[in-house]
Amino acid sequence: MNGTRSSVAVVEEVRRGLTPALTERIDLLICPPSTLIASCVAASYGSNIAIGGQNLHAKPSGAFTGSISAEMLADLGATYVIVGHSERRAYHHETDDGVHAKALAARRAGLCGIICVGETKDEREEGRTLDIVRAQLGIGVPKGATGADTVIAYEPVWAIGTGLTPTPSDIAEVHASLREMLERLVGPEAARIRILYGGSVKPANARELMAVENVDGALVGGASLVAEDFLGIAAAYA
């Protein structure tokens, strides 16, 4: 919940900062508040920057005052939507079943759903990390998910906005487990589904984190509010 109309300038700055190496090698996605989606779509038009939503309602329409549907997001020009972010789970009590329904809604409207999974500090200290993320994945991912309509994001809740990050070996373990779980759920298509890492990703650690096996990109939080930092993370792939 950051940004007003003046924040569209950040998207414009990111666009100006794109180099041929970045344009050719990576996909860039910005998920602003819903109030800014249309403006950001216009600001990114003609570039390789995609625009997505931060959340959605599972129903296409109805008496759900204040909510936004997948169809509404698509109508604004969004092509992605984040589903089940840890803050939605924590502060709005979203369940794995609810995340599943939202992922199906994203597919219904032709959006790619970014399904978030992750453990809390207590769950990690109890040694339950893999059990937690595999359970979230097992329920959240719709049957028949493909690389075109599904992305997975591992975001250890205790690392978000704290400056703390798991070790590369910790991340590798979780991502390998998620990949194996995806293979059980969708078979060979699992190889095409990207698994992102999110949790205090910044320019200083991006290259090390993005080099971890089965890490196919970053879900960037606070650093995305500053164009220079966002581009610095993207440069890990250049």
C-alpha atoms as a PDB file:
ATOM      1  CA  MET A   1       0.000   0.000   0.000  1.00  0.00           C
ATOM      2  CA  ASN A   2       2.480   2.535  -1.302  1.00  0.00           C
ATOM      3  CA  GLY A   3       2.222   5.154  -4.004  1.00  0.00           C
ATOM      4  CA  THR A   4       0.033   7.850  -5.491  1.00  0.00           C
ATOM      5  CA  ARG A   5      -0.151   9.141  -9.066  1.00  0.00           C
ATOM      6  CA  SER A   6       3.267  10.740  -8.710  1.00  0.00           C
ATOM      7  CA  SER A   7       4.715   7.264  -8.196  1.00  0.00           C
ATOM      8  CA  VAL A   8       4.142   6.419 -11.857  1.00  0.00           C
ATOM      9  CA  ALA A   9       7.400   8.310 -12.364  1.00  0.00           C
ATOM     10  CA  VAL A  10       9.191   5.301 -10.853  1.00  0.00           C
ATOM     11  CA  VAL A  11       7.906   3.107 -13.696  1.00  0.00           C
ATOM     12  CA  GLU A  12       9.006   5.717 -16.205  1.00  0.00           C
ATOM     13  CA  GLU A  13      12.449   5.832 -14.595  1.00  0.00           C
ATOM     14  CA  VAL A  14      12.747   2.049 -14.716  1.00  0.00           C
ATOM     15  CA  ARG A  15      11.821   2.125 -18.378  1.00  0.00           C
ATOM     16  CA  ARG A  16      14.467   4.730 -19.141  1.00  0.00           C
ATOM     17  CA  GLY A  17      17.040   2.670 -17.252  1.00  0.00           C
ATOM     18  CA  LEU A  18      16.532  -0.493 -19.267  1.00  0.00           C
ATOM     19  CA  THR A  19      19.561  -1.596 -21.230  1.00  0.00           C
ATOM     20  CA  PRO A  20      19.534  -3.973 -24.216  1.00  0.00           C
ATOM     21  CA  ALA A  21      21.063  -6.638 -21.970  1.00  0.00           C
ATOM     22  CA  LEU A  22      18.186  -6.356 -19.497  1.00  0.00           C
ATOM     23  CA  THR A  23      15.548  -6.205 -22.218  1.00  0.00           C
ATOM     24  CA  GLU A  24      16.851  -9.354 -23.885  1.00  0.00           C
ATOM     25  CA  ARG A  25      17.632 -11.483 -20.838  1.00  0.00           C
ATOM     26  CA  ILE A  26      14.866 -10.963 -18.283  1.00  0.00           C
ATOM     27  CA  ASP A  27      11.177 -10.355 -17.762  1.00  0.00           C
ATOM     28  CA  LEU A  28      10.290  -7.335 -15.639  1.00  0.00           C
ATOM     29  CA  LEU A  29       7.016  -7.045 -13.745  1.00  0.00           C
ATOM     30  CA  ILE A  30       5.726  -4.224 -11.552  1.00  0.00           C
ATOM     31  CA  CYS A  31       2.639  -4.744  -9.371  1.00  0.00           C
ATOM     32  CA  PRO A  32       1.383  -1.342  -8.185  1.00  0.00           C
ATOM     33  CA  PRO A  33      -1.763  -0.658  -6.144  1.00  0.00           C
ATOM     34  CA  SER A  34      -4.907  -1.143  -8.233  1.00  0.00           C
ATOM     35  CA  THR A  35      -5.437   2.627  -8.354  1.00  0.00           C
ATOM     36  CA  LEU A  36      -2.254   2.967 -10.422  1.00  0.00           C
ATOM     37  CA  ILE A  37      -2.511  -0.043 -12.750  1.00  0.00           C
ATOM     38  CA  ALA A  38      -3.965   1.799 -15.746  1.00  0.00           C
ATOM     39  CA  SER A  39      -1.443   4.640 -15.416  1.00  0.00           C
ATOM     40  CA  CYS A  40       1.450   2.187 -15.112  1.00  0.00           C
ATOM     41  CA  VAL A  41       0.232   0.227 -18.142  1.00  0.00           C
ATOM     42  CA  ALA A  42       0.289   3.474 -20.121  1.00  0.00           C
ATOM     43  CA  ALA A  43       3.735   4.399 -18.772  1.00  0.00           C
ATOM     44  CA  SER A  44       5.201   1.015 -19.704  1.00  0.00           C
ATOM     45  CA  TYR A  45       3.526   0.712 -23.109  1.00  0.00           C
ATOM     46  CA  GLY A  46       5.904  -0.515 -25.805  1.00  0.00           C
ATOM     47  CA  SER A  47       8.501  -1.778 -23.297  1.00  0.00           C
ATOM     48  CA  ASN A  48       9.059  -5.258 -21.888  1.00  0.00           C
ATOM     49  CA  ILE A  49       7.730  -4.178 -18.478  1.00  0.00           C
ATOM     50  CA  ALA A  50       4.579  -6.070 -17.535  1.00  0.00           C
ATOM     51  CA  ILE A  51       2.076  -4.717 -15.015  1.00  0.00           C
ATOM     52  CA  GLY A  52       0.195  -6.819 -12.481  1.00  0.00           C
ATOM     53  CA  GLY A  53      -2.153  -6.606  -9.519  1.00  0.00           C
ATOM     54  CA  GLN A  54      -1.345  -7.214  -5.862  1.00  0.00           C
ATOM     55  CA  ASN A  55      -4.534  -9.112  -5.026  1.00  0.00           C
ATOM     56  CA  LEU A  56      -7.948 -10.073  -6.403  1.00  0.00           C
ATOM     57  CA  HIS A  57     -11.329 -11.465  -5.444  1.00  0.00           C
ATOM     58  CA  ALA A  58     -12.095 -15.008  -6.579  1.00  0.00           C
ATOM     59  CA  LYS A  59     -15.508 -14.091  -8.020  1.00  0.00           C
ATOM     60  CA  PRO A  60     -15.827 -12.319 -11.398  1.00  0.00           C
ATOM     61  CA  SER A  61     -18.403  -9.846 -10.080  1.00  0.00           C
ATOM     62  CA  GLY A  62     -21.049  -9.397  -7.416  1.00  0.00           C
ATOM     63  CA  ALA A  63     -21.876  -7.749  -4.106  1.00  0.00           C
ATOM     64  CA  PHE A  64     -18.310  -7.557  -2.815  1.00  0.00           C
ATOM     65  CA  THR A  65     -17.897  -3.843  -2.180  1.00  0.00           C
ATOM     66  CA  GLY A  66     -14.317  -2.660  -2.337  1.00  0.00           C
ATOM     67  CA  SER A  67     -12.988  -5.775  -4.060  1.00  0.00           C
ATOM     68  CA  ILE A  68     -11.451  -6.127  -7.519  1.00  0.00           C
ATOM     69  CA  SER A  69     -11.877  -9.138  -9.781  1.00  0.00           C
ATOM     70  CA  ALA A  70      -9.427 -10.793 -12.128  1.00  0.00           C
ATOM     71  CA  GLU A  71     -11.514  -9.569 -15.030  1.00  0.00           C
ATOM     72  CA  MET A  72     -11.244  -5.995 -13.773  1.00  0.00           C
ATOM     73  CA  LEU A  73      -7.473  -6.310 -13.526  1.00  0.00           C
ATOM     74  CA  ALA A  74      -7.265  -7.691 -17.048  1.00  0.00           C
ATOM     75  CA  ASP A  75      -9.516  -4.894 -18.308  1.00  0.00           C
ATOM     76  CA  LEU A  76      -7.023  -2.365 -16.916  1.00  0.00           C
ATOM     77  CA  GLY A  77      -4.205  -4.032 -18.849  1.00  0.00           C
ATOM     78  CA  ALA A  78      -2.677  -6.162 -16.094  1.00  0.00           C
ATOM     79  CA  THR A  79      -1.246  -9.517 -17.138  1.00  0.00           C
ATOM     80  CA  TYR A  80      -0.183 -10.894 -13.730  1.00  0.00           C
ATOM     81  CA  VAL A  81      -1.562 -10.901 -10.200  1.00  0.00           C
ATOM     82  CA  ILE A  82      -0.017 -11.800  -6.839  1.00  0.00           C
ATOM     83  CA  VAL A  83      -1.981 -14.465  -4.976  1.00  0.00           C
ATOM     84  CA  GLY A  84      -1.679 -15.271  -1.269  1.00  0.00           C
ATOM     85  CA  HIS A  85       1.081 -12.851  -0.331  1.00  0.00           C
ATOM     86  CA  SER A  86       2.170 -13.392   3.275  1.00  0.00           C
ATOM     87  CA  GLU A  87       0.723 -10.042   4.316  1.00  0.00           C
ATOM     88  CA  ARG A  88      -2.662 -11.039   2.889  1.00  0.00           C
ATOM     89  CA  ARG A  89      -2.448 -14.329   4.763  1.00  0.00           C
ATOM     90  CA  ALA A  90      -1.410 -12.664   8.025  1.00  0.00           C
ATOM     91  CA  TYR A  91      -3.543  -9.529   8.076  1.00  0.00           C
ATOM     92  CA  HIS A  92      -6.569 -10.677   6.069  1.00  0.00           C
ATOM     93  CA  HIS A  93      -6.618 -14.315   7.192  1.00  0.00           C
ATOM     94  CA  GLU A  94      -6.399 -15.759   3.696  1.00  0.00           C
ATOM     95  CA  THR A  95      -6.372 -19.554   3.610  1.00  0.00           C
ATOM     96  CA  ASP A  96      -4.705 -22.013   1.252  1.00  0.00           C
ATOM     97  CA  ASP A  97      -8.137 -22.879  -0.146  1.00  0.00           C
ATOM     98  CA  GLY A  98      -8.777 -19.197  -0.758  1.00  0.00           C
ATOM     99  CA  VAL A  99      -5.441 -18.875  -2.521  1.00  0.00           C
ATOM    100  CA  HIS A 100      -6.402 -21.819  -4.735  1.00  0.00           C
ATOM    101  CA  ALA A 101      -9.687 -20.121  -5.651  1.00  0.00           C
ATOM    102  CA  LYS A 102      -7.881 -16.887  -6.497  1.00  0.00           C
ATOM    103  CA  ALA A 103      -5.341 -18.724  -8.648  1.00  0.00           C
ATOM    104  CA  LEU A 104      -8.227 -20.273 -10.587  1.00  0.00           C
ATOM    105  CA  ALA A 105      -9.777 -16.821 -10.953  1.00  0.00           C
ATOM    106  CA  ALA A 106      -6.539 -15.452 -12.362  1.00  0.00           C
ATOM    107  CA  ARG A 107      -6.467 -18.245 -14.952  1.00  0.00           C
ATOM    108  CA  ARG A 108     -10.133 -17.625 -15.789  1.00  0.00           C
ATOM    109  CA  ALA A 109      -9.320 -14.037 -16.779  1.00  0.00           C
ATOM    110  CA  GLY A 110      -6.135 -14.903 -18.653  1.00  0.00           C
ATOM    111  CA  LEU A 111      -3.792 -13.612 -15.950  1.00  0.00           C
ATOM    112  CA  CYS A 112      -0.671 -15.350 -14.678  1.00  0.00           C
ATOM    113  CA  GLY A 113      -1.021 -15.966 -10.945  1.00  0.00           C
ATOM    114  CA  ILE A 114       2.033 -15.541  -8.721  1.00  0.00           C
ATOM    115  CA  ILE A 115       1.283 -17.935  -5.862  1.00  0.00           C
ATOM    116  CA  CYS A 116       3.192 -17.032  -2.682  1.00  0.00           C
ATOM    117  CA  VAL A 117       4.277 -19.540  -0.052  1.00  0.00           C
ATOM    118  CA  GLY A 118       6.451 -19.124   3.022  1.00  0.00           C
ATOM    119  CA  GLU A 119       6.989 -19.927   6.673  1.00  0.00           C
ATOM    120  CA  THR A 120       6.970 -17.753   9.779  1.00  0.00           C
ATOM    121  CA  LYS A 121       9.903 -17.421  12.164  1.00  0.00           C
ATOM    122  CA  ASP A 122       8.306 -19.823  14.660  1.00  0.00           C
ATOM    123  CA  GLU A 123       7.652 -22.400  11.943  1.00  0.00           C
ATOM    124  CA  ARG A 124      11.269 -22.218  10.788  1.00  0.00           C
ATOM    125  CA  GLU A 125      12.619 -22.554  14.318  1.00  0.00           C
ATOM    126  CA  GLU A 126      10.393 -25.585  14.804  1.00  0.00           C
ATOM    127  CA  GLY A 127      11.950 -27.204  11.724  1.00  0.00           C
ATOM    128  CA  ARG A 128       8.671 -27.138   9.808  1.00  0.00           C
ATOM    129  CA  THR A 129       9.676 -24.987   6.830  1.00  0.00           C
ATOM    130  CA  LEU A 130       9.440 -27.669   4.148  1.00  0.00           C
ATOM    131  CA  ASP A 131       6.209 -29.083   5.533  1.00  0.00           C
ATOM    132  CA  ILE A 132       4.611 -25.637   5.560  1.00  0.00           C
ATOM    133  CA  VAL A 133       5.586 -24.533   2.063  1.00  0.00           C
ATOM    134  CA  ARG A 134       4.784 -27.901   0.497  1.00  0.00           C
ATOM    135  CA  ALA A 135       1.345 -27.899   2.120  1.00  0.00           C
ATOM    136  CA  GLN A 136       0.676 -24.354   0.891  1.00  0.00           C
ATOM    137  CA  LEU A 137       1.813 -25.314  -2.592  1.00  0.00           C
ATOM    138  CA  GLY A 138      -0.131 -28.547  -2.657  1.00  0.00           C
ATOM    139  CA  ILE A 139      -3.415 -26.791  -1.951  1.00  0.00           C
ATOM    140  CA  GLY A 140      -2.776 -23.482  -3.696  1.00  0.00           C
ATOM    141  CA  VAL A 141      -1.663 -24.671  -7.137  1.00  0.00           C
ATOM    142  CA  PRO A 142      -4.624 -25.440  -9.434  1.00  0.00           C
ATOM    143  CA  LYS A 143      -4.794 -28.673 -11.371  1.00  0.00           C
ATOM    144  CA  GLY A 144      -3.270 -28.307 -14.806  1.00  0.00           C
ATOM    145  CA  ALA A 145      -1.081 -25.336 -13.881  1.00  0.00           C
ATOM    146  CA  THR A 146       1.411 -24.361 -16.567  1.00  0.00           C
ATOM    147  CA  GLY A 147       4.397 -22.109 -16.931  1.00  0.00           C
ATOM    148  CA  ALA A 148       2.181 -19.679 -18.825  1.00  0.00           C
ATOM    149  CA  ASP A 149      -0.403 -19.198 -16.069  1.00  0.00           C
ATOM    150  CA  THR A 150       1.483 -19.915 -12.851  1.00  0.00           C
ATOM    151  CA  VAL A 151       4.554 -18.597 -11.032  1.00  0.00           C
ATOM    152  CA  ILE A 152       5.566 -19.623  -7.506  1.00  0.00           C
ATOM    153  CA  ALA A 153       7.184 -17.202  -5.057  1.00  0.00           C
ATOM    154  CA  TYR A 154       8.917 -18.398  -1.904  1.00  0.00           C
ATOM    155  CA  GLU A 155       8.911 -15.608   0.657  1.00  0.00           C
ATOM    156  CA  PRO A 156      10.071 -16.542   4.160  1.00  0.00           C
ATOM    157  CA  VAL A 157       7.796 -14.342   6.247  1.00  0.00           C
ATOM    158  CA  TRP A 158      10.498 -13.606   8.811  1.00  0.00           C
ATOM    159  CA  ALA A 159      12.768 -12.159   6.111  1.00  0.00           C
ATOM    160  CA  ILE A 160      10.311  -9.680   4.594  1.00  0.00           C
ATOM    161  CA  GLY A 161      11.326  -6.111   5.333  1.00  0.00           C
ATOM    162  CA  THR A 162      13.662  -7.184   8.153  1.00  0.00           C
ATOM    163  CA  GLY A 163      16.952  -7.121   6.304  1.00  0.00           C
ATOM    164  CA  LEU A 164      17.392 -10.797   7.186  1.00  0.00           C
ATOM    165  CA  THR A 165      17.743 -13.455   4.515  1.00  0.00           C
ATOM    166  CA  PRO A 166      18.110 -17.236   4.600  1.00  0.00           C
ATOM    167  CA  THR A 167      21.479 -18.605   3.531  1.00  0.00           C
ATOM    168  CA  PRO A 168      21.849 -19.641  -0.111  1.00  0.00           C
ATOM    169  CA  SER A 169      21.875 -23.272   1.018  1.00  0.00           C
ATOM    170  CA  ASP A 170      18.609 -22.747   2.925  1.00  0.00           C
ATOM    171  CA  ILE A 171      17.011 -21.191  -0.140  1.00  0.00           C
ATOM    172  CA  ALA A 172      18.323 -23.977  -2.384  1.00  0.00           C
ATOM    173  CA  GLU A 173      16.778 -26.586  -0.083  1.00  0.00           C
ATOM    174  CA  VAL A 174      13.358 -24.937  -0.122  1.00  0.00           C
ATOM    175  CA  HIS A 175      13.339 -24.275  -3.860  1.00  0.00           C
ATOM    176  CA  ALA A 176      14.434 -27.840  -4.636  1.00  0.00           C
ATOM    177  CA  SER A 177      11.599 -29.118  -2.456  1.00  0.00           C
ATOM    178  CA  LEU A 178       9.119 -26.825  -4.186  1.00  0.00           C
ATOM    179  CA  ARG A 179      10.312 -27.995  -7.608  1.00  0.00           C
ATOM    180  CA  GLU A 180       9.910 -31.619  -6.562  1.00  0.00           C
ATOM    181  CA  MET A 181       6.416 -30.887  -5.249  1.00  0.00           C
ATOM    182  CA  LEU A 182       5.497 -29.181  -8.511  1.00  0.00           C
ATOM    183  CA  GLU A 183       6.622 -32.275 -10.399  1.00  0.00           C
ATOM    184  CA  ARG A 184       4.203 -34.321  -8.333  1.00  0.00           C
ATOM    185  CA  LEU A 185       1.397 -31.847  -8.970  1.00  0.00           C
ATOM    186  CA  VAL A 186       1.776 -31.064 -12.671  1.00  0.00           C
ATOM    187  CA  GLY A 187       4.368 -33.502 -14.035  1.00  0.00           C
ATOM    188  CA  PRO A 188       6.863 -32.383 -16.699  1.00  0.00           C
ATOM    189  CA  GLU A 189       5.260 -28.927 -16.885  1.00  0.00           C
ATOM    190  CA  ALA A 190       6.922 -28.213 -13.513  1.00  0.00           C
ATOM    191  CA  ALA A 191      10.173 -27.449 -15.318  1.00  0.00           C
ATOM    192  CA  ARG A 192       8.499 -24.458 -17.012  1.00  0.00           C
ATOM    193  CA  ILE A 193       7.010 -22.949 -13.851  1.00  0.00           C
ATOM    194  CA  ARG A 194       9.261 -20.260 -12.439  1.00  0.00           C
ATOM    195  CA  ILE A 195      10.029 -20.185  -8.730  1.00  0.00           C
ATOM    196  CA  LEU A 196      10.948 -16.739  -7.417  1.00  0.00           C
ATOM    197  CA  TYR A 197      12.666 -15.885  -4.158  1.00  0.00           C
ATOM    198  CA  GLY A 198      11.377 -12.950  -2.108  1.00  0.00           C
ATOM    199  CA  GLY A 199      12.542 -11.588   1.218  1.00  0.00           C
ATOM    200  CA  SER A 200      14.862  -8.594   1.662  1.00  0.00           C
ATOM    201  CA  VAL A 201      16.224  -8.864  -1.875  1.00  0.00           C
ATOM    202  CA  LYS A 202      18.380  -5.850  -2.674  1.00  0.00           C
ATOM    203  CA  PRO A 203      21.130  -4.932  -5.153  1.00  0.00           C
ATOM    204  CA  ALA A 204      23.864  -5.969  -2.710  1.00  0.00           C
ATOM    205  CA  ASN A 205      22.667  -9.581  -2.418  1.00  0.00           C
ATOM    206  CA  ALA A 206      20.729 -10.129  -5.649  1.00  0.00           C
ATOM    207  CA  ARG A 207      23.537 -11.717  -7.656  1.00  0.00           C
ATOM    208  CA  GLU A 208      24.255 -14.297  -4.942  1.00  0.00           C
ATOM    209  CA  LEU A 209      20.567 -15.097  -4.394  1.00  0.00           C
ATOM    210  CA  MET A 210      19.693 -15.310  -8.080  1.00  0.00           C
ATOM    211  CA  ALA A 211      22.578 -17.728  -8.674  1.00  0.00           C
ATOM    212  CA  VAL A 212      21.001 -20.332  -6.370  1.00  0.00           C
ATOM    213  CA  GLU A 213      19.748 -23.432  -8.169  1.00  0.00           C
ATOM    214  CA  ASN A 214      15.993 -23.376  -8.887  1.00  0.00           C
ATOM    215  CA  VAL A 215      15.774 -19.629  -8.189  1.00  0.00           C
ATOM    216  CA  ASP A 216      14.282 -18.240 -11.393  1.00  0.00           C
ATOM    217  CA  GLY A 217      13.849 -14.634 -10.308  1.00  0.00           C
ATOM    218  CA  ALA A 218      13.033 -12.304  -7.448  1.00  0.00           C
ATOM    219  CA  LEU A 219       9.846 -11.081  -5.824  1.00  0.00           C
ATOM    220  CA  VAL A 220      11.027  -7.621  -4.806  1.00  0.00           C
ATOM    221  CA  GLY A 221       9.410  -5.683  -1.965  1.00  0.00           C
ATOM    222  CA  GLY A 222      10.679  -2.390  -0.587  1.00  0.00           C
ATOM    223  CA  ALA A 223      13.501  -2.089  -3.104  1.00  0.00           C
ATOM    224  CA  SER A 224      10.941  -1.843  -5.898  1.00  0.00           C
ATOM    225  CA  LEU A 225       9.925   1.613  -4.666  1.00  0.00           C
ATOM    226  CA  VAL A 226      13.262   3.017  -5.853  1.00  0.00           C
ATOM    227  CA  ALA A 227      13.987   2.658  -9.564  1.00  0.00           C
ATOM    228  CA  GLU A 228      17.758   2.527  -9.064  1.00  0.00           C
ATOM    229  CA  ASP A 229      17.441  -0.351  -6.575  1.00  0.00           C
ATOM    230  CA  PHE A 230      14.964  -2.255  -8.719  1.00  0.00           C
ATOM    231  CA  LEU A 231      17.221  -1.953 -11.760  1.00  0.00           C
ATOM    232  CA  GLY A 232      20.204  -2.916  -9.591  1.00  0.00           C
ATOM    233  CA  ILE A 233      18.483  -6.185  -8.705  1.00  0.00           C
ATOM    234  CA  ALA A 234      17.573  -6.798 -12.338  1.00  0.00           C
ATOM    235  CA  ALA A 235      21.224  -6.262 -13.254  1.00  0.00           C
ATOM    236  CA  ALA A 236      22.066  -9.507 -11.421  1.00  0.00           C
ATOM    237  CA  TYR A 237      20.994 -11.229 -14.651  1.00  0.00           C
ATOM    238  CA  ALA A 238      22.753  -8.879 -17.075  1.00  0.00           C
END
